[in-house]
Each structure stands twice: as structure tokens, then as C-alpha cells.
Amino acid sequence: MRTTQLRAETTEALRHKKAELLATMPDLGVVLRGSLIERFLRCGKPNCKCARGRGHGPKRYLSISHPKGRPEMLYVPKDWCEPVRQSLREFAAVRETLDQLCAINAELIRRREEL
């Protein structure tokens, strides 16, 4: 939601939108931050087919960035890929909802209204 759109709304409409956002907040118990990536790995055996081709795989990993640190790579079994993808989508939805709530709260403060 853009600031100009929020300024056109009534305070009552902003409070209603805020309540709707809170009511539809995704399940925080299953959120997962990161990216699911695929890698093809080489085993190092000189006579293996992977030495001449793409490698073994694809193998899937959850890459989680940490501030001031190296990304953490967690192996994700094939059967877990869809639940992991869903948890990553839930995180994106939570982040979007929080961004909208923050924008509404900032507009309420600008109007000198209580949160």
C-alpha cells in the first residue's frame, strides 16, 4: 500500500484494513526464511559419470542468510521440498502483511491517532 493511497483513506477505513490484515495473518508457526536452491554435485571419483556431466542431482538445499555471516545450507530431502516451499511462501506473506501494517500504523501516527 502506498502512502498516497493511505492518506486518501478515512481513519476508520485504515483501522478496518488493519483488523483485516491481522485476522488473515499467515500461520507464524510454519514460516521459514531463506531460498530453496538446486545444486548438481560432483563426487570426486575420476571414472564417475558426474566428472564429465552436470553432476549428481539435483540436490535441494535451503539457503539461509545470516547478518555478518556465511549463508547456512541445509539439505532438503525431495519429499520435503513442497512443504519447505510453502513455508517460504508463508514467510513472504507475513513480511508483506507486516509491511502493510507498518504503513497503516505510520499513517495513523501522522494523523496523531492511537495505534
N, C-alpha and C. Protein backbone atom coordinates (compact mmCIF):
# COMPACT_ATOMS: atom_id res chain seq x y z
N MET A 1 0.83 -1.17 0.00
CA MET A 1 0.00 0.00 0.00
C MET A 1 0.88 1.24 0.00
N ARG A 2 0.61 2.14 -0.86
CA ARG A 2 1.41 3.36 -0.95
C ARG A 2 0.88 4.41 0.02
N THR A 3 1.78 5.29 0.42
CA THR A 3 1.43 6.35 1.37
C THR A 3 0.31 7.22 0.83
N THR A 4 0.35 7.53 -0.47
CA THR A 4 -0.70 8.37 -1.06
C THR A 4 -2.06 7.68 -1.00
N GLN A 5 -2.07 6.37 -1.17
CA GLN A 5 -3.34 5.63 -1.07
C GLN A 5 -3.86 5.67 0.37
N LEU A 6 -2.96 5.53 1.32
CA LEU A 6 -3.37 5.53 2.72
C LEU A 6 -3.91 6.89 3.14
N ARG A 7 -3.30 7.94 2.65
CA ARG A 7 -3.74 9.29 3.04
C ARG A 7 -5.15 9.58 2.53
N ALA A 8 -5.58 8.90 1.46
CA ALA A 8 -6.92 9.12 0.92
C ALA A 8 -7.98 8.38 1.73
N GLU A 9 -7.57 7.41 2.53
CA GLU A 9 -8.50 6.60 3.32
C GLU A 9 -8.90 7.33 4.61
N THR A 10 -10.10 7.03 5.07
CA THR A 10 -10.51 7.56 6.37
C THR A 10 -9.80 6.78 7.47
N THR A 11 -9.74 7.36 8.65
CA THR A 11 -9.13 6.67 9.78
C THR A 11 -9.89 5.39 10.08
N GLU A 12 -11.19 5.43 9.98
CA GLU A 12 -12.00 4.22 10.22
C GLU A 12 -11.65 3.14 9.20
N ALA A 13 -11.47 3.51 7.94
CA ALA A 13 -11.11 2.54 6.90
C ALA A 13 -9.73 1.95 7.16
N LEU A 14 -8.81 2.77 7.64
CA LEU A 14 -7.47 2.27 7.97
C LEU A 14 -7.54 1.26 9.11
N ARG A 15 -8.33 1.57 10.12
CA ARG A 15 -8.47 0.65 11.25
C ARG A 15 -9.13 -0.67 10.81
N HIS A 16 -10.10 -0.56 9.90
CA HIS A 16 -10.76 -1.76 9.37
C HIS A 16 -9.75 -2.61 8.58
N LYS A 17 -8.96 -1.98 7.74
CA LYS A 17 -7.95 -2.69 6.95
C LYS A 17 -6.92 -3.35 7.87
N LYS A 18 -6.55 -2.64 8.92
CA LYS A 18 -5.60 -3.18 9.90
C LYS A 18 -6.17 -4.44 10.56
N ALA A 19 -7.44 -4.40 10.94
CA ALA A 19 -8.09 -5.57 11.56
C ALA A 19 -8.15 -6.74 10.58
N GLU A 20 -8.45 -6.44 9.31
CA GLU A 20 -8.48 -7.49 8.28
C GLU A 20 -7.11 -8.14 8.12
N LEU A 21 -6.08 -7.32 8.07
CA LEU A 21 -4.72 -7.85 7.93
C LEU A 21 -4.35 -8.75 9.10
N LEU A 22 -4.68 -8.30 10.31
CA LEU A 22 -4.37 -9.10 11.50
C LEU A 22 -5.14 -10.42 11.51
N ALA A 23 -6.38 -10.38 11.03
CA ALA A 23 -7.20 -11.59 11.01
C ALA A 23 -6.72 -12.60 9.97
N THR A 24 -6.08 -12.12 8.94
CA THR A 24 -5.63 -13.02 7.87
C THR A 24 -4.12 -13.28 7.93
N MET A 25 -3.50 -12.93 9.04
CA MET A 25 -2.06 -13.16 9.19
C MET A 25 -1.76 -14.64 9.02
N PRO A 26 -0.81 -14.98 8.17
CA PRO A 26 -0.46 -16.40 7.97
C PRO A 26 0.03 -17.02 9.28
N ASP A 27 0.02 -18.34 9.31
CA ASP A 27 0.45 -19.09 10.49
C ASP A 27 1.95 -18.86 10.74
N LEU A 28 2.26 -18.20 11.83
CA LEU A 28 3.65 -17.89 12.14
C LEU A 28 4.44 -19.12 12.56
N GLY A 29 3.75 -20.19 12.91
CA GLY A 29 4.43 -21.41 13.34
C GLY A 29 5.12 -22.16 12.22
N VAL A 30 4.82 -21.83 10.97
CA VAL A 30 5.40 -22.58 9.85
C VAL A 30 6.23 -21.70 8.91
N VAL A 31 6.48 -20.45 9.29
CA VAL A 31 7.24 -19.58 8.40
C VAL A 31 8.71 -20.01 8.36
N LEU A 32 9.32 -19.76 7.22
CA LEU A 32 10.70 -20.13 7.02
C LEU A 32 11.34 -19.10 6.11
N ARG A 33 12.45 -18.51 6.56
CA ARG A 33 13.15 -17.50 5.79
C ARG A 33 14.31 -18.18 5.06
N GLY A 34 14.49 -17.83 3.80
CA GLY A 34 15.59 -18.36 3.02
C GLY A 34 15.18 -18.58 1.58
N SER A 35 15.98 -19.36 0.88
CA SER A 35 15.72 -19.69 -0.51
C SER A 35 15.98 -21.17 -0.72
N LEU A 36 15.15 -21.80 -1.53
CA LEU A 36 15.35 -23.19 -1.88
C LEU A 36 16.13 -23.22 -3.20
N ILE A 37 17.29 -23.83 -3.18
CA ILE A 37 18.12 -23.87 -4.37
C ILE A 37 18.42 -25.31 -4.76
N GLU A 38 18.74 -25.51 -6.03
CA GLU A 38 19.12 -26.83 -6.53
C GLU A 38 20.58 -26.80 -6.93
N ARG A 39 21.28 -27.87 -6.60
CA ARG A 39 22.70 -27.97 -6.96
C ARG A 39 22.95 -29.35 -7.55
N PHE A 40 23.90 -29.38 -8.46
CA PHE A 40 24.40 -30.64 -9.01
C PHE A 40 25.82 -30.79 -8.49
N LEU A 41 26.08 -31.89 -7.80
CA LEU A 41 27.36 -32.07 -7.13
C LEU A 41 28.21 -33.15 -7.81
N ARG A 42 29.51 -33.02 -7.69
CA ARG A 42 30.45 -34.00 -8.20
C ARG A 42 31.02 -34.78 -7.00
N CYS A 43 31.09 -36.08 -7.17
CA CYS A 43 31.54 -36.92 -6.06
C CYS A 43 33.06 -36.99 -5.96
N GLY A 44 33.76 -36.66 -7.03
CA GLY A 44 35.22 -36.66 -6.99
C GLY A 44 35.85 -37.92 -7.53
N LYS A 45 35.06 -38.93 -7.84
CA LYS A 45 35.61 -40.16 -8.41
C LYS A 45 35.91 -39.90 -9.89
N PRO A 46 37.14 -40.14 -10.34
CA PRO A 46 37.50 -39.79 -11.71
C PRO A 46 36.73 -40.54 -12.79
N ASN A 47 36.28 -41.75 -12.51
CA ASN A 47 35.57 -42.54 -13.53
C ASN A 47 34.05 -42.42 -13.45
N CYS A 48 33.56 -41.60 -12.56
CA CYS A 48 32.11 -41.44 -12.40
C CYS A 48 31.58 -40.56 -13.53
N LYS A 49 30.34 -40.81 -13.90
CA LYS A 49 29.71 -40.01 -14.97
C LYS A 49 29.61 -38.53 -14.60
N CYS A 50 29.59 -38.22 -13.31
CA CYS A 50 29.46 -36.82 -12.89
C CYS A 50 30.70 -36.01 -13.24
N ALA A 51 31.85 -36.68 -13.43
CA ALA A 51 33.08 -35.97 -13.77
C ALA A 51 32.98 -35.38 -15.17
N ARG A 52 32.14 -35.96 -16.03
CA ARG A 52 32.01 -35.48 -17.41
C ARG A 52 30.70 -34.74 -17.66
N GLY A 53 29.75 -34.85 -16.75
CA GLY A 53 28.43 -34.25 -16.98
C GLY A 53 28.10 -33.18 -15.96
N ARG A 54 26.81 -33.02 -15.75
CA ARG A 54 26.32 -31.97 -14.83
C ARG A 54 26.62 -32.27 -13.38
N GLY A 55 26.73 -33.50 -13.05
CA GLY A 55 26.94 -33.88 -11.66
C GLY A 55 25.74 -34.67 -11.15
N HIS A 56 25.82 -35.12 -9.92
CA HIS A 56 24.71 -35.84 -9.29
C HIS A 56 23.67 -34.84 -8.84
N GLY A 57 22.43 -35.19 -9.03
CA GLY A 57 21.39 -34.28 -8.57
C GLY A 57 20.23 -34.21 -9.52
N PRO A 58 19.39 -33.25 -9.32
CA PRO A 58 19.63 -32.09 -8.46
C PRO A 58 19.42 -32.43 -6.99
N LYS A 59 20.22 -31.82 -6.17
CA LYS A 59 20.07 -31.87 -4.72
C LYS A 59 19.54 -30.51 -4.30
N ARG A 60 18.62 -30.50 -3.38
CA ARG A 60 17.99 -29.25 -2.96
C ARG A 60 18.47 -28.86 -1.57
N TYR A 61 18.71 -27.56 -1.44
CA TYR A 61 19.20 -27.02 -0.18
C TYR A 61 18.42 -25.76 0.17
N LEU A 62 18.21 -25.59 1.46
CA LEU A 62 17.65 -24.34 1.97
C LEU A 62 18.83 -23.45 2.31
N SER A 63 18.90 -22.30 1.66
CA SER A 63 19.97 -21.34 1.92
C SER A 63 19.41 -20.24 2.81
N ILE A 64 20.01 -20.08 3.99
CA ILE A 64 19.55 -19.08 4.95
C ILE A 64 20.69 -18.10 5.19
N SER A 65 20.45 -16.84 4.84
CA SER A 65 21.46 -15.81 5.06
C SER A 65 21.43 -15.35 6.50
N HIS A 66 22.62 -15.07 7.02
CA HIS A 66 22.74 -14.54 8.38
C HIS A 66 23.51 -13.22 8.31
N PRO A 67 23.07 -12.22 9.07
CA PRO A 67 23.80 -10.96 9.07
C PRO A 67 25.26 -11.18 9.47
N LYS A 68 26.16 -10.59 8.72
CA LYS A 68 27.60 -10.65 9.01
C LYS A 68 28.12 -12.09 9.10
N GLY A 69 27.51 -12.98 8.34
CA GLY A 69 27.98 -14.36 8.37
C GLY A 69 27.76 -15.04 7.03
N ARG A 70 28.22 -16.24 6.96
CA ARG A 70 28.04 -17.02 5.74
C ARG A 70 26.64 -17.62 5.70
N PRO A 71 26.11 -17.82 4.50
CA PRO A 71 24.79 -18.46 4.42
C PRO A 71 24.86 -19.90 4.96
N GLU A 72 23.81 -20.30 5.58
CA GLU A 72 23.70 -21.67 6.09
C GLU A 72 22.99 -22.49 5.02
N MET A 73 23.52 -23.65 4.70
CA MET A 73 22.93 -24.52 3.68
C MET A 73 22.44 -25.79 4.36
N LEU A 74 21.15 -26.03 4.28
CA LEU A 74 20.56 -27.22 4.88
C LEU A 74 20.02 -28.12 3.77
N TYR A 75 20.41 -29.37 3.79
CA TYR A 75 19.91 -30.31 2.78
C TYR A 75 18.41 -30.51 2.99
N VAL A 76 17.66 -30.51 1.90
CA VAL A 76 16.21 -30.72 1.96
C VAL A 76 15.88 -31.98 1.14
N PRO A 77 15.42 -33.04 1.80
CA PRO A 77 15.04 -34.23 1.05
C PRO A 77 13.93 -33.91 0.04
N LYS A 78 13.89 -34.68 -1.03
CA LYS A 78 12.94 -34.44 -2.12
C LYS A 78 11.49 -34.36 -1.61
N ASP A 79 11.13 -35.24 -0.68
CA ASP A 79 9.76 -35.27 -0.15
C ASP A 79 9.41 -34.01 0.66
N TRP A 80 10.40 -33.29 1.10
CA TRP A 80 10.17 -32.11 1.93
C TRP A 80 10.13 -30.82 1.12
N CYS A 81 10.42 -30.89 -0.17
CA CYS A 81 10.53 -29.67 -0.97
C CYS A 81 9.25 -28.84 -0.98
N GLU A 82 8.12 -29.47 -1.19
CA GLU A 82 6.87 -28.69 -1.26
C GLU A 82 6.52 -28.06 0.09
N PRO A 83 6.61 -28.79 1.20
CA PRO A 83 6.36 -28.12 2.49
C PRO A 83 7.34 -26.97 2.76
N VAL A 84 8.59 -27.12 2.35
CA VAL A 84 9.57 -26.04 2.53
C VAL A 84 9.17 -24.86 1.66
N ARG A 85 8.78 -25.12 0.41
CA ARG A 85 8.33 -24.03 -0.47
C ARG A 85 7.14 -23.30 0.13
N GLN A 86 6.21 -24.06 0.69
CA GLN A 86 5.03 -23.44 1.31
C GLN A 86 5.43 -22.58 2.50
N SER A 87 6.37 -23.04 3.30
CA SER A 87 6.84 -22.25 4.44
C SER A 87 7.55 -20.99 3.99
N LEU A 88 8.27 -21.06 2.88
CA LEU A 88 8.91 -19.86 2.33
C LEU A 88 7.86 -18.87 1.83
N ARG A 89 6.78 -19.38 1.21
CA ARG A 89 5.68 -18.51 0.77
C ARG A 89 4.99 -17.88 1.97
N GLU A 90 4.84 -18.63 3.05
CA GLU A 90 4.22 -18.09 4.27
C GLU A 90 5.06 -16.95 4.82
N PHE A 91 6.38 -17.09 4.79
CA PHE A 91 7.24 -16.01 5.26
C PHE A 91 7.05 -14.76 4.40
N ALA A 92 6.99 -14.95 3.09
CA ALA A 92 6.79 -13.80 2.19
C ALA A 92 5.45 -13.12 2.49
N ALA A 93 4.42 -13.92 2.76
CA ALA A 93 3.10 -13.36 3.08
C ALA A 93 3.15 -12.60 4.41
N VAL A 94 3.84 -13.14 5.40
CA VAL A 94 3.98 -12.47 6.70
C VAL A 94 4.71 -11.15 6.52
N ARG A 95 5.78 -11.17 5.75
CA ARG A 95 6.55 -9.94 5.52
C ARG A 95 5.69 -8.88 4.82
N GLU A 96 4.92 -9.29 3.82
CA GLU A 96 4.04 -8.35 3.11
C GLU A 96 2.98 -7.78 4.05
N THR A 97 2.40 -8.65 4.87
CA THR A 97 1.39 -8.20 5.84
C THR A 97 2.00 -7.22 6.83
N LEU A 98 3.19 -7.52 7.34
CA LEU A 98 3.85 -6.62 8.28
C LEU A 98 4.16 -5.27 7.63
N ASP A 99 4.59 -5.29 6.39
CA ASP A 99 4.86 -4.03 5.68
C ASP A 99 3.59 -3.19 5.59
N GLN A 100 2.47 -3.83 5.28
CA GLN A 100 1.20 -3.09 5.17
C GLN A 100 0.77 -2.56 6.53
N LEU A 101 0.92 -3.38 7.58
CA LEU A 101 0.55 -2.93 8.93
C LEU A 101 1.41 -1.75 9.36
N CYS A 102 2.70 -1.81 9.07
CA CYS A 102 3.60 -0.71 9.42
C CYS A 102 3.21 0.57 8.69
N ALA A 103 2.83 0.45 7.43
CA ALA A 103 2.42 1.63 6.65
C ALA A 103 1.15 2.23 7.24
N ILE A 104 0.21 1.39 7.61
CA ILE A 104 -1.03 1.89 8.22
C ILE A 104 -0.72 2.56 9.56
N ASN A 105 0.11 1.91 10.38
CA ASN A 105 0.46 2.49 11.68
C ASN A 105 1.18 3.83 11.52
N ALA A 106 2.06 3.91 10.54
CA ALA A 106 2.76 5.18 10.29
C ALA A 106 1.77 6.27 9.90
N GLU A 107 0.78 5.92 9.09
CA GLU A 107 -0.23 6.91 8.69
C GLU A 107 -1.07 7.33 9.89
N LEU A 108 -1.41 6.38 10.76
CA LEU A 108 -2.17 6.73 11.96
C LEU A 108 -1.36 7.68 12.85
N ILE A 109 -0.08 7.43 12.98
CA ILE A 109 0.78 8.32 13.77
C ILE A 109 0.84 9.70 13.11
N ARG A 110 0.96 9.72 11.79
CA ARG A 110 0.99 11.00 11.09
C ARG A 110 -0.27 11.81 11.38
N ARG A 111 -1.40 11.11 11.54
CA ARG A 111 -2.68 11.78 11.85
C ARG A 111 -2.84 12.04 13.34
N ARG A 112 -1.87 11.62 14.12
CA ARG A 112 -1.93 11.75 15.57
C ARG A 112 -3.07 10.91 16.17
N GLU A 113 -3.25 9.75 15.61
CA GLU A 113 -4.26 8.80 16.09
C GLU A 113 -3.55 7.69 16.85
N GLU A 114 -4.26 7.10 17.81
CA GLU A 114 -3.69 5.98 18.54
C GLU A 114 -3.62 4.75 17.65
N LEU A 115 -2.62 3.92 17.91
CA LEU A 115 -2.48 2.69 17.15
C LEU A 115 -3.49 1.68 17.66
